[in-house]
């Protein structure tokens, strides 16, 4: 990859490092998330393009600045929040990538991947979706499950499952999850 790729990663990770929330280890939460995204991409698509590697690393840029509680409750509010997040992440990514030497065409492609445009038709956008779902299931699903009842979890996971590719689903089924979480996933898959 080269100097500008490393410069872009350093800029991206510096922003993730600003996250005031911390992992138990003390690492900023969004920096840990970004590293998990990159690690899953490496497992799922070891030959990933530079654009795809940068797009997965740019997920959740300054996510803490766009709080969910500033949007209406319910599904419509959730969709508004997610759209606002995607636009903000893509905009900030564009600034960081430009500063690292990426031209408008490369930056535009990465921004489209961050926003998961043409999901299901663009294999790289699909990879971003798969990776984000796998990171969630492996690292955040247990905490999420404690906050919601089983029917809600099954409904959410069933929707998530439809967004994933066959490769992503296979990887998800291979996760080493506690039996109660695996049972919820199996119910969602059967829906």
N, C-alpha and C. Protein backbone atom coordinates (compact mmCIF):
# COMPACT_ATOMS: atom_id res chain seq x y z
N UNK A 1 0.87 -1.16 0.00
CA UNK A 1 0.00 0.00 0.00
C UNK A 1 0.91 1.21 0.00
N UNK A 2 1.31 1.93 0.55
CA UNK A 2 2.23 3.01 0.37
C UNK A 2 2.06 4.06 1.42
N UNK A 3 2.83 5.15 1.17
CA UNK A 3 2.87 6.23 2.15
C UNK A 3 1.54 6.90 2.41
N UNK A 4 0.78 7.13 1.35
CA UNK A 4 -0.49 7.83 1.59
C UNK A 4 -1.48 6.95 2.34
N UNK A 5 -1.43 5.62 2.10
CA UNK A 5 -2.29 4.70 2.84
C UNK A 5 -1.97 4.75 4.33
N UNK A 6 -0.69 4.66 4.65
CA UNK A 6 -0.27 4.73 6.06
C UNK A 6 -0.63 6.09 6.67
N UNK A 7 -0.46 7.16 5.90
CA UNK A 7 -0.82 8.49 6.39
C UNK A 7 -2.31 8.59 6.65
N UNK A 8 -3.10 8.00 5.75
CA UNK A 8 -4.56 8.01 5.93
C UNK A 8 -4.94 7.23 7.17
N UNK A 9 -4.37 6.04 7.36
CA UNK A 9 -4.67 5.24 8.56
C UNK A 9 -4.32 6.01 9.83
N UNK A 10 -3.18 6.68 9.82
CA UNK A 10 -2.78 7.46 11.00
C UNK A 10 -3.79 8.57 11.29
N UNK A 11 -4.25 9.26 10.25
CA UNK A 11 -5.25 10.32 10.43
C UNK A 11 -6.57 9.75 10.95
N UNK A 12 -7.00 8.64 10.36
CA UNK A 12 -8.26 8.00 10.75
C UNK A 12 -8.18 7.54 12.20
N UNK A 13 -7.10 6.86 12.54
CA UNK A 13 -6.95 6.35 13.90
C UNK A 13 -6.81 7.47 14.93
N UNK A 14 -6.22 8.59 14.54
CA UNK A 14 -6.13 9.72 15.45
C UNK A 14 -7.53 10.22 15.81
N UNK A 15 -8.42 10.26 14.83
CA UNK A 15 -9.80 10.66 15.11
C UNK A 15 -10.49 9.63 16.00
N UNK A 16 -10.33 8.34 15.67
CA UNK A 16 -10.91 7.31 16.53
C UNK A 16 -10.37 7.41 17.95
N UNK A 17 -9.11 7.81 18.07
CA UNK A 17 -8.49 7.93 19.39
C UNK A 17 -9.06 9.04 20.24
N UNK A 18 -9.83 9.95 19.64
CA UNK A 18 -10.47 11.04 20.38
C UNK A 18 -11.72 10.58 21.13
N UNK A 19 -12.19 9.36 20.88
CA UNK A 19 -13.42 8.88 21.51
C UNK A 19 -13.28 8.94 23.02
N UNK A 20 -14.19 9.65 23.70
CA UNK A 20 -14.10 9.72 25.16
C UNK A 20 -14.46 8.41 25.85
N UNK A 21 -15.21 7.54 25.19
CA UNK A 21 -15.59 6.25 25.79
C UNK A 21 -14.41 5.29 25.65
N UNK A 22 -14.23 4.46 26.65
CA UNK A 22 -13.07 3.56 26.68
C UNK A 22 -13.46 2.11 26.85
N UNK A 23 -12.65 1.24 26.29
CA UNK A 23 -12.74 -0.20 26.51
C UNK A 23 -12.20 -0.47 27.92
N UNK A 24 -12.49 -1.64 28.48
CA UNK A 24 -11.90 -1.97 29.79
C UNK A 24 -10.37 -1.85 29.81
N UNK A 25 -9.74 -2.07 28.65
CA UNK A 25 -8.28 -1.96 28.55
C UNK A 25 -7.80 -0.52 28.59
N UNK A 26 -8.71 0.45 28.43
CA UNK A 26 -8.35 1.86 28.38
C UNK A 26 -8.28 2.40 26.96
N UNK A 27 -8.35 1.51 25.97
CA UNK A 27 -8.30 1.93 24.57
C UNK A 27 -9.60 2.65 24.20
N UNK A 28 -9.52 3.72 23.41
CA UNK A 28 -10.76 4.36 22.96
C UNK A 28 -11.66 3.35 22.23
N UNK A 29 -12.95 3.36 22.54
CA UNK A 29 -13.87 2.35 21.99
C UNK A 29 -13.90 2.33 20.48
N UNK A 30 -13.96 3.49 19.84
CA UNK A 30 -14.05 3.51 18.39
C UNK A 30 -12.74 3.10 17.72
N UNK A 31 -11.62 3.31 18.38
CA UNK A 31 -10.35 2.82 17.84
C UNK A 31 -10.33 1.29 17.90
N UNK A 32 -10.81 0.73 19.00
CA UNK A 32 -10.90 -0.73 19.11
C UNK A 32 -11.85 -1.27 18.04
N UNK A 33 -12.98 -0.59 17.84
CA UNK A 33 -13.93 -1.00 16.81
C UNK A 33 -13.28 -0.99 15.43
N UNK A 34 -12.57 0.08 15.12
CA UNK A 34 -11.93 0.21 13.80
C UNK A 34 -10.91 -0.91 13.57
N UNK A 35 -10.16 -1.24 14.59
CA UNK A 35 -9.18 -2.32 14.47
C UNK A 35 -9.88 -3.67 14.28
N UNK A 36 -11.00 -3.85 14.96
CA UNK A 36 -11.78 -5.09 14.78
C UNK A 36 -12.31 -5.17 13.35
N UNK A 37 -12.76 -4.04 12.82
CA UNK A 37 -13.25 -4.02 11.44
C UNK A 37 -12.13 -4.44 10.48
N UNK A 38 -10.96 -3.87 10.64
CA UNK A 38 -9.83 -4.21 9.76
C UNK A 38 -9.44 -5.68 9.90
N UNK A 39 -9.44 -6.18 11.12
CA UNK A 39 -9.08 -7.59 11.35
C UNK A 39 -10.08 -8.52 10.68
N UNK A 40 -11.39 -8.20 10.77
CA UNK A 40 -12.39 -9.05 10.13
C UNK A 40 -12.29 -8.96 8.61
N UNK A 41 -12.01 -7.79 8.10
CA UNK A 41 -11.85 -7.66 6.65
C UNK A 41 -10.69 -8.54 6.18
N UNK A 42 -9.61 -8.54 6.92
CA UNK A 42 -8.45 -9.36 6.55
C UNK A 42 -8.82 -10.84 6.53
N UNK A 43 -9.67 -11.26 7.46
CA UNK A 43 -10.11 -12.66 7.49
C UNK A 43 -11.06 -12.97 6.34
N UNK A 44 -11.97 -12.06 6.06
CA UNK A 44 -13.01 -12.29 5.08
C UNK A 44 -12.53 -12.06 3.64
N UNK A 45 -11.68 -11.05 3.47
CA UNK A 45 -11.22 -10.68 2.12
C UNK A 45 -9.75 -10.28 2.19
N UNK A 46 -8.85 -11.26 2.32
CA UNK A 46 -7.43 -10.93 2.49
C UNK A 46 -6.84 -10.12 1.33
N UNK A 47 -7.42 -10.19 0.16
CA UNK A 47 -6.93 -9.42 -0.98
C UNK A 47 -7.70 -8.14 -1.21
N UNK A 48 -8.31 -7.60 -0.17
CA UNK A 48 -9.16 -6.41 -0.31
C UNK A 48 -8.39 -5.24 -0.91
N UNK A 49 -9.12 -4.43 -1.66
CA UNK A 49 -8.54 -3.24 -2.27
C UNK A 49 -8.20 -2.21 -1.20
N UNK A 50 -7.36 -1.28 -1.57
CA UNK A 50 -7.00 -0.17 -0.68
C UNK A 50 -8.25 0.61 -0.29
N UNK A 51 -9.13 0.85 -1.24
CA UNK A 51 -10.37 1.60 -0.96
C UNK A 51 -11.21 0.88 0.09
N UNK A 52 -11.35 -0.42 -0.04
CA UNK A 52 -12.15 -1.19 0.90
C UNK A 52 -11.50 -1.20 2.28
N UNK A 53 -10.19 -1.34 2.33
CA UNK A 53 -9.48 -1.30 3.63
C UNK A 53 -9.70 0.03 4.34
N UNK A 54 -9.67 1.10 3.57
CA UNK A 54 -9.88 2.42 4.18
C UNK A 54 -11.34 2.61 4.58
N UNK A 55 -12.26 2.13 3.77
CA UNK A 55 -13.68 2.29 4.08
C UNK A 55 -14.04 1.59 5.39
N UNK A 56 -13.57 0.37 5.58
CA UNK A 56 -13.92 -0.31 6.84
C UNK A 56 -13.28 0.38 8.02
N UNK A 57 -12.10 0.95 7.82
CA UNK A 57 -11.43 1.64 8.92
C UNK A 57 -12.13 2.95 9.26
N UNK A 58 -12.86 3.52 8.29
CA UNK A 58 -13.56 4.80 8.50
C UNK A 58 -14.95 4.64 9.11
N UNK A 59 -15.41 3.44 9.30
CA UNK A 59 -16.73 3.27 9.92
C UNK A 59 -16.70 3.91 11.31
N UNK A 60 -17.75 4.58 11.65
CA UNK A 60 -17.94 5.17 12.99
C UNK A 60 -17.03 6.35 13.29
N UNK A 61 -16.50 7.03 12.29
CA UNK A 61 -15.68 8.21 12.56
C UNK A 61 -16.49 9.24 13.37
N UNK A 62 -16.01 9.54 14.53
CA UNK A 62 -16.67 10.46 15.48
C UNK A 62 -18.13 10.08 15.72
N UNK A 63 -18.41 8.82 15.82
CA UNK A 63 -19.78 8.37 16.04
C UNK A 63 -20.36 8.96 17.33
N UNK A 64 -19.54 9.14 18.31
CA UNK A 64 -20.00 9.67 19.59
C UNK A 64 -20.59 11.08 19.46
N UNK A 65 -20.28 11.78 18.39
CA UNK A 65 -20.77 13.15 18.20
C UNK A 65 -22.21 13.19 17.68
N UNK A 66 -22.70 12.06 17.17
CA UNK A 66 -24.06 12.01 16.62
C UNK A 66 -24.85 11.04 17.49
N UNK A 67 -25.42 11.57 18.53
CA UNK A 67 -26.09 10.71 19.52
C UNK A 67 -27.46 10.25 19.04
N UNK A 68 -27.73 9.02 19.33
CA UNK A 68 -29.02 8.42 18.94
C UNK A 68 -30.19 9.14 19.58
N UNK A 69 -30.03 9.62 20.82
CA UNK A 69 -31.14 10.25 21.52
C UNK A 69 -31.52 11.62 20.96
N UNK A 70 -30.80 12.10 19.98
CA UNK A 70 -31.16 13.36 19.32
C UNK A 70 -32.14 13.14 18.16
N UNK A 71 -32.49 11.89 17.94
CA UNK A 71 -33.42 11.53 16.88
C UNK A 71 -34.65 10.88 17.50
N UNK A 72 -35.78 10.90 16.79
CA UNK A 72 -37.00 10.32 17.34
C UNK A 72 -36.83 8.83 17.68
N UNK A 73 -37.58 8.39 18.66
CA UNK A 73 -37.60 6.97 19.01
C UNK A 73 -38.24 6.18 17.87
N UNK A 74 -38.00 4.89 17.87
CA UNK A 74 -38.63 4.03 16.88
C UNK A 74 -37.79 3.81 15.64
N UNK A 75 -38.33 3.01 14.75
CA UNK A 75 -37.60 2.58 13.54
C UNK A 75 -37.28 3.76 12.62
N UNK A 76 -38.22 4.67 12.43
CA UNK A 76 -37.97 5.81 11.54
C UNK A 76 -36.85 6.69 12.08
N UNK A 77 -36.87 6.95 13.38
CA UNK A 77 -35.81 7.74 14.00
C UNK A 77 -34.47 7.05 13.92
N UNK A 78 -34.49 5.75 14.07
CA UNK A 78 -33.25 4.96 13.95
C UNK A 78 -32.67 5.10 12.54
N UNK A 79 -33.53 4.99 11.54
CA UNK A 79 -33.06 5.12 10.15
C UNK A 79 -32.51 6.53 9.89
N UNK A 80 -33.16 7.56 10.45
CA UNK A 80 -32.66 8.92 10.30
C UNK A 80 -31.28 9.07 10.93
N UNK A 81 -31.13 8.50 12.12
CA UNK A 81 -29.85 8.55 12.81
C UNK A 81 -28.76 7.86 11.99
N UNK A 82 -29.05 6.67 11.49
CA UNK A 82 -28.07 5.91 10.70
C UNK A 82 -27.68 6.67 9.42
N UNK A 83 -28.67 7.30 8.78
CA UNK A 83 -28.37 8.07 7.57
C UNK A 83 -27.49 9.28 7.90
N UNK A 84 -27.80 9.97 9.00
CA UNK A 84 -26.99 11.12 9.42
C UNK A 84 -25.57 10.67 9.76
N UNK A 85 -25.45 9.55 10.42
CA UNK A 85 -24.13 9.00 10.75
C UNK A 85 -23.33 8.70 9.49
N UNK A 86 -23.92 7.97 8.56
CA UNK A 86 -23.22 7.58 7.34
C UNK A 86 -22.72 8.81 6.59
N UNK A 87 -23.57 9.82 6.48
CA UNK A 87 -23.18 11.04 5.78
C UNK A 87 -22.03 11.75 6.50
N UNK A 88 -22.11 11.83 7.82
CA UNK A 88 -21.06 12.49 8.59
C UNK A 88 -19.75 11.71 8.52
N UNK A 89 -19.82 10.40 8.63
CA UNK A 89 -18.61 9.57 8.55
C UNK A 89 -17.94 9.74 7.18
N UNK A 90 -18.75 9.72 6.13
CA UNK A 90 -18.22 9.85 4.78
C UNK A 90 -17.60 11.23 4.57
N UNK A 91 -18.25 12.27 5.07
CA UNK A 91 -17.72 13.62 4.90
C UNK A 91 -16.37 13.76 5.61
N UNK A 92 -16.29 13.32 6.85
CA UNK A 92 -15.04 13.42 7.59
C UNK A 92 -13.96 12.55 6.93
N UNK A 93 -14.34 11.38 6.49
CA UNK A 93 -13.38 10.51 5.79
C UNK A 93 -12.82 11.23 4.57
N UNK A 94 -13.68 11.92 3.83
CA UNK A 94 -13.21 12.65 2.65
C UNK A 94 -12.16 13.69 3.01
N UNK A 95 -12.38 14.39 4.11
CA UNK A 95 -11.41 15.40 4.55
C UNK A 95 -10.08 14.74 4.93
N UNK A 96 -10.17 13.65 5.68
CA UNK A 96 -8.95 12.97 6.13
C UNK A 96 -8.18 12.37 4.96
N UNK A 97 -8.91 11.76 4.03
CA UNK A 97 -8.27 11.13 2.87
C UNK A 97 -7.65 12.17 1.94
N UNK A 98 -8.34 13.28 1.73
CA UNK A 98 -7.78 14.36 0.91
C UNK A 98 -6.47 14.85 1.53
N UNK A 99 -6.49 15.01 2.84
CA UNK A 99 -5.29 15.46 3.54
C UNK A 99 -4.14 14.48 3.46
N UNK A 100 -4.45 13.22 3.21
CA UNK A 100 -3.41 12.19 3.08
C UNK A 100 -2.96 12.02 1.62
N UNK A 101 -3.58 12.76 0.69
CA UNK A 101 -3.13 12.71 -0.70
C UNK A 101 -4.02 11.95 -1.66
N UNK A 102 -5.22 11.56 -1.24
CA UNK A 102 -6.14 10.86 -2.15
C UNK A 102 -6.90 11.87 -2.99
N UNK A 103 -7.08 11.55 -4.27
CA UNK A 103 -7.79 12.45 -5.16
C UNK A 103 -9.31 12.28 -5.00
N UNK A 104 -10.04 13.13 -5.68
CA UNK A 104 -11.51 13.14 -5.55
C UNK A 104 -12.13 11.81 -5.97
N UNK A 105 -11.60 11.19 -7.01
CA UNK A 105 -12.17 9.93 -7.47
C UNK A 105 -11.99 8.83 -6.42
N UNK A 106 -10.80 8.69 -5.88
CA UNK A 106 -10.54 7.67 -4.85
C UNK A 106 -11.35 7.96 -3.59
N UNK A 107 -11.39 9.21 -3.21
CA UNK A 107 -12.14 9.61 -2.02
C UNK A 107 -13.63 9.33 -2.21
N UNK A 108 -14.15 9.65 -3.39
CA UNK A 108 -15.57 9.40 -3.68
C UNK A 108 -15.91 7.92 -3.59
N UNK A 109 -15.02 7.09 -4.09
CA UNK A 109 -15.26 5.64 -4.02
C UNK A 109 -15.30 5.16 -2.57
N UNK A 110 -14.37 5.62 -1.77
CA UNK A 110 -14.32 5.23 -0.35
C UNK A 110 -15.56 5.74 0.37
N UNK A 111 -15.98 6.96 0.07
CA UNK A 111 -17.19 7.51 0.69
C UNK A 111 -18.42 6.68 0.32
N UNK A 112 -18.50 6.25 -0.92
CA UNK A 112 -19.63 5.41 -1.34
C UNK A 112 -19.63 4.09 -0.57
N UNK A 113 -18.46 3.54 -0.34
CA UNK A 113 -18.37 2.29 0.43
C UNK A 113 -18.76 2.51 1.89
N UNK A 114 -18.34 3.62 2.45
CA UNK A 114 -18.71 3.93 3.84
C UNK A 114 -20.22 4.00 3.98
N UNK A 115 -20.87 4.58 2.97
CA UNK A 115 -22.34 4.70 2.99
C UNK A 115 -23.04 3.43 2.52
N UNK A 116 -22.24 2.42 2.14
CA UNK A 116 -22.75 1.13 1.67
C UNK A 116 -23.73 1.31 0.51
N UNK A 117 -23.36 2.18 -0.40
CA UNK A 117 -24.19 2.39 -1.58
C UNK A 117 -24.16 1.14 -2.45
N UNK A 118 -25.26 0.86 -3.07
CA UNK A 118 -25.40 -0.31 -3.96
C UNK A 118 -25.14 -1.63 -3.25
N UNK A 119 -25.55 -1.68 -2.00
CA UNK A 119 -25.44 -2.93 -1.24
C UNK A 119 -26.12 -4.03 -2.03
N UNK A 120 -25.58 -5.19 -2.02
CA UNK A 120 -26.01 -6.39 -2.75
C UNK A 120 -25.55 -6.37 -4.21
N UNK A 121 -25.28 -5.19 -4.79
CA UNK A 121 -24.82 -5.13 -6.19
C UNK A 121 -23.33 -4.82 -6.28
N UNK A 122 -22.79 -4.23 -5.23
CA UNK A 122 -21.36 -3.88 -5.20
C UNK A 122 -20.68 -4.80 -4.18
N UNK A 123 -19.85 -5.72 -4.63
CA UNK A 123 -19.22 -6.67 -3.71
C UNK A 123 -18.43 -5.99 -2.58
N UNK A 124 -17.83 -4.84 -2.86
CA UNK A 124 -17.08 -4.17 -1.80
C UNK A 124 -18.01 -3.52 -0.77
N UNK A 125 -19.10 -2.93 -1.21
CA UNK A 125 -20.08 -2.40 -0.27
C UNK A 125 -20.65 -3.54 0.57
N UNK A 126 -20.88 -4.67 -0.07
CA UNK A 126 -21.37 -5.84 0.65
C UNK A 126 -20.35 -6.30 1.69
N UNK A 127 -19.08 -6.23 1.36
CA UNK A 127 -18.03 -6.62 2.31
C UNK A 127 -18.04 -5.71 3.54
N UNK A 128 -18.27 -4.41 3.33
CA UNK A 128 -18.36 -3.48 4.47
C UNK A 128 -19.52 -3.90 5.38
N UNK A 129 -20.66 -4.22 4.78
CA UNK A 129 -21.82 -4.66 5.55
C UNK A 129 -21.52 -5.95 6.31
N UNK A 130 -20.95 -6.93 5.62
CA UNK A 130 -20.64 -8.20 6.26
C UNK A 130 -19.69 -8.01 7.44
N UNK A 131 -18.64 -7.24 7.22
CA UNK A 131 -17.66 -7.02 8.27
C UNK A 131 -18.30 -6.33 9.47
N UNK A 132 -19.12 -5.31 9.23
CA UNK A 132 -19.74 -4.61 10.36
C UNK A 132 -20.69 -5.54 11.12
N UNK A 133 -21.40 -6.40 10.41
CA UNK A 133 -22.28 -7.37 11.09
C UNK A 133 -21.48 -8.36 11.92
N UNK A 134 -20.38 -8.84 11.37
CA UNK A 134 -19.55 -9.81 12.10
C UNK A 134 -18.90 -9.19 13.33
N UNK A 135 -18.44 -7.97 13.21
CA UNK A 135 -17.85 -7.28 14.36
C UNK A 135 -18.92 -7.11 15.44
N UNK A 136 -20.12 -6.73 15.05
CA UNK A 136 -21.20 -6.59 16.02
C UNK A 136 -21.49 -7.92 16.71
N UNK A 137 -21.69 -8.96 15.93
CA UNK A 137 -22.04 -10.25 16.52
C UNK A 137 -20.96 -10.76 17.45
N UNK A 138 -19.73 -10.63 17.05
CA UNK A 138 -18.62 -11.18 17.85
C UNK A 138 -18.32 -10.35 19.10
N UNK A 139 -18.48 -9.03 19.02
CA UNK A 139 -18.00 -8.16 20.09
C UNK A 139 -19.07 -7.40 20.87
N UNK A 140 -20.24 -7.19 20.27
CA UNK A 140 -21.21 -6.31 20.90
C UNK A 140 -22.59 -6.93 21.12
N UNK A 141 -22.82 -8.07 20.49
CA UNK A 141 -24.14 -8.70 20.56
C UNK A 141 -24.52 -9.09 21.98
N UNK A 142 -23.59 -9.59 22.76
CA UNK A 142 -23.90 -10.02 24.13
C UNK A 142 -24.44 -8.86 24.95
N UNK A 143 -23.79 -7.70 24.90
CA UNK A 143 -24.27 -6.53 25.65
C UNK A 143 -25.61 -6.06 25.11
N UNK A 144 -25.75 -6.05 23.80
CA UNK A 144 -27.00 -5.64 23.16
C UNK A 144 -28.14 -6.56 23.59
N UNK A 145 -27.86 -7.85 23.64
CA UNK A 145 -28.89 -8.84 24.00
C UNK A 145 -29.40 -8.65 25.42
N UNK A 146 -28.55 -8.16 26.30
CA UNK A 146 -28.99 -7.92 27.69
C UNK A 146 -30.01 -6.79 27.80
N UNK A 147 -30.08 -5.95 26.79
CA UNK A 147 -30.96 -4.78 26.82
C UNK A 147 -32.28 -4.97 26.10
N UNK A 148 -32.44 -6.12 25.44
CA UNK A 148 -33.64 -6.33 24.62
C UNK A 148 -34.23 -7.71 24.87
N UNK A 149 -35.54 -7.82 24.65
CA UNK A 149 -36.17 -9.13 24.81
C UNK A 149 -35.89 -10.00 23.58
N UNK A 150 -36.13 -11.29 23.72
CA UNK A 150 -35.79 -12.22 22.64
C UNK A 150 -36.53 -11.95 21.33
N UNK A 151 -37.87 -11.69 21.37
CA UNK A 151 -38.54 -11.41 20.09
C UNK A 151 -37.93 -10.21 19.33
N UNK A 152 -37.54 -9.19 20.08
CA UNK A 152 -36.91 -8.02 19.45
C UNK A 152 -35.57 -8.41 18.83
N UNK A 153 -34.80 -9.18 19.57
CA UNK A 153 -33.49 -9.63 19.06
C UNK A 153 -33.64 -10.47 17.80
N UNK A 154 -34.59 -11.38 17.82
CA UNK A 154 -34.81 -12.25 16.67
C UNK A 154 -35.21 -11.42 15.45
N UNK A 155 -36.09 -10.45 15.65
CA UNK A 155 -36.54 -9.58 14.56
C UNK A 155 -35.37 -8.78 13.99
N UNK A 156 -34.55 -8.19 14.86
CA UNK A 156 -33.42 -7.38 14.41
C UNK A 156 -32.40 -8.25 13.68
N UNK A 157 -32.10 -9.40 14.25
CA UNK A 157 -31.11 -10.28 13.61
C UNK A 157 -31.62 -10.84 12.28
N UNK A 158 -32.90 -11.09 12.18
CA UNK A 158 -33.46 -11.57 10.91
C UNK A 158 -33.25 -10.51 9.82
N UNK A 159 -33.44 -9.24 10.16
CA UNK A 159 -33.20 -8.16 9.20
C UNK A 159 -31.72 -8.06 8.85
N UNK A 160 -30.88 -8.19 9.87
CA UNK A 160 -29.44 -8.15 9.65
C UNK A 160 -29.01 -9.28 8.72
N UNK A 161 -29.57 -10.47 8.95
CA UNK A 161 -29.22 -11.65 8.16
C UNK A 161 -29.48 -11.43 6.68
N UNK A 162 -30.58 -10.75 6.37
CA UNK A 162 -30.92 -10.52 4.95
C UNK A 162 -29.94 -9.56 4.28
N UNK A 163 -29.26 -8.74 5.05
CA UNK A 163 -28.30 -7.80 4.49
C UNK A 163 -26.95 -8.45 4.22
N UNK A 164 -26.71 -9.60 4.82
CA UNK A 164 -25.40 -10.24 4.71
C UNK A 164 -25.32 -11.13 3.47
N UNK A 165 -24.11 -11.31 2.97
CA UNK A 165 -23.87 -12.22 1.86
C UNK A 165 -23.78 -13.65 2.39
N UNK A 166 -23.76 -14.61 1.48
CA UNK A 166 -23.60 -16.01 1.88
C UNK A 166 -22.29 -16.20 2.63
N UNK A 167 -21.22 -15.55 2.19
CA UNK A 167 -19.93 -15.66 2.86
C UNK A 167 -20.00 -15.07 4.27
N UNK A 168 -20.66 -13.94 4.41
CA UNK A 168 -20.81 -13.31 5.72
C UNK A 168 -21.63 -14.17 6.66
N UNK A 169 -22.70 -14.75 6.14
CA UNK A 169 -23.54 -15.63 6.95
C UNK A 169 -22.77 -16.85 7.43
N UNK A 170 -21.99 -17.43 6.51
CA UNK A 170 -21.19 -18.60 6.88
C UNK A 170 -20.21 -18.25 8.00
N UNK A 171 -19.57 -17.09 7.89
CA UNK A 171 -18.64 -16.65 8.93
C UNK A 171 -19.38 -16.41 10.24
N UNK A 172 -20.58 -15.85 10.16
CA UNK A 172 -21.36 -15.59 11.38
C UNK A 172 -21.73 -16.90 12.08
N UNK A 173 -22.11 -17.89 11.30
CA UNK A 173 -22.47 -19.18 11.89
C UNK A 173 -21.25 -19.88 12.49
N UNK A 174 -20.07 -19.49 12.08
CA UNK A 174 -18.85 -20.07 12.62
C UNK A 174 -18.31 -19.38 13.86
N UNK A 175 -18.97 -18.31 14.28
CA UNK A 175 -18.51 -17.58 15.48
C UNK A 175 -18.67 -18.45 16.72
N UNK A 176 -17.74 -18.31 17.63
CA UNK A 176 -17.79 -19.03 18.90
C UNK A 176 -18.57 -18.17 19.90
N UNK A 177 -19.87 -18.35 19.91
CA UNK A 177 -20.75 -17.56 20.78
C UNK A 177 -21.35 -18.45 21.86
N UNK A 178 -21.70 -17.85 23.00
CA UNK A 178 -22.39 -18.63 24.03
C UNK A 178 -23.69 -19.22 23.49
N UNK A 179 -24.08 -20.37 24.01
CA UNK A 179 -25.27 -21.09 23.53
C UNK A 179 -26.53 -20.23 23.47
N UNK A 180 -26.83 -19.40 24.48
CA UNK A 180 -28.05 -18.58 24.39
C UNK A 180 -28.04 -17.60 23.22
N UNK A 181 -26.88 -17.03 22.92
CA UNK A 181 -26.78 -16.11 21.78
C UNK A 181 -26.89 -16.86 20.47
N UNK A 182 -26.24 -18.01 20.40
CA UNK A 182 -26.33 -18.85 19.20
C UNK A 182 -27.78 -19.25 18.94
N UNK A 183 -28.52 -19.56 19.99
CA UNK A 183 -29.93 -19.96 19.84
C UNK A 183 -30.75 -18.82 19.25
N UNK A 184 -30.46 -17.59 19.67
CA UNK A 184 -31.18 -16.43 19.13
C UNK A 184 -30.86 -16.28 17.64
N UNK A 185 -29.60 -16.43 17.29
CA UNK A 185 -29.22 -16.33 15.88
C UNK A 185 -29.92 -17.41 15.07
N UNK A 186 -29.96 -18.61 15.58
CA UNK A 186 -30.61 -19.71 14.86
C UNK A 186 -32.10 -19.44 14.66
N UNK A 187 -32.75 -18.85 15.65
CA UNK A 187 -34.17 -18.49 15.50
C UNK A 187 -34.33 -17.42 14.44
N UNK A 188 -33.43 -16.46 14.41
CA UNK A 188 -33.49 -15.37 13.42
C UNK A 188 -33.28 -15.91 12.02
N UNK A 189 -32.34 -16.84 11.88
CA UNK A 189 -32.03 -17.43 10.58
C UNK A 189 -33.21 -18.24 10.07
N UNK A 190 -33.91 -18.91 10.97
CA UNK A 190 -35.04 -19.76 10.58
C UNK A 190 -36.25 -18.94 10.17
N UNK A 191 -36.29 -17.66 10.53
CA UNK A 191 -37.45 -16.80 10.24
C UNK A 191 -37.64 -16.58 8.76
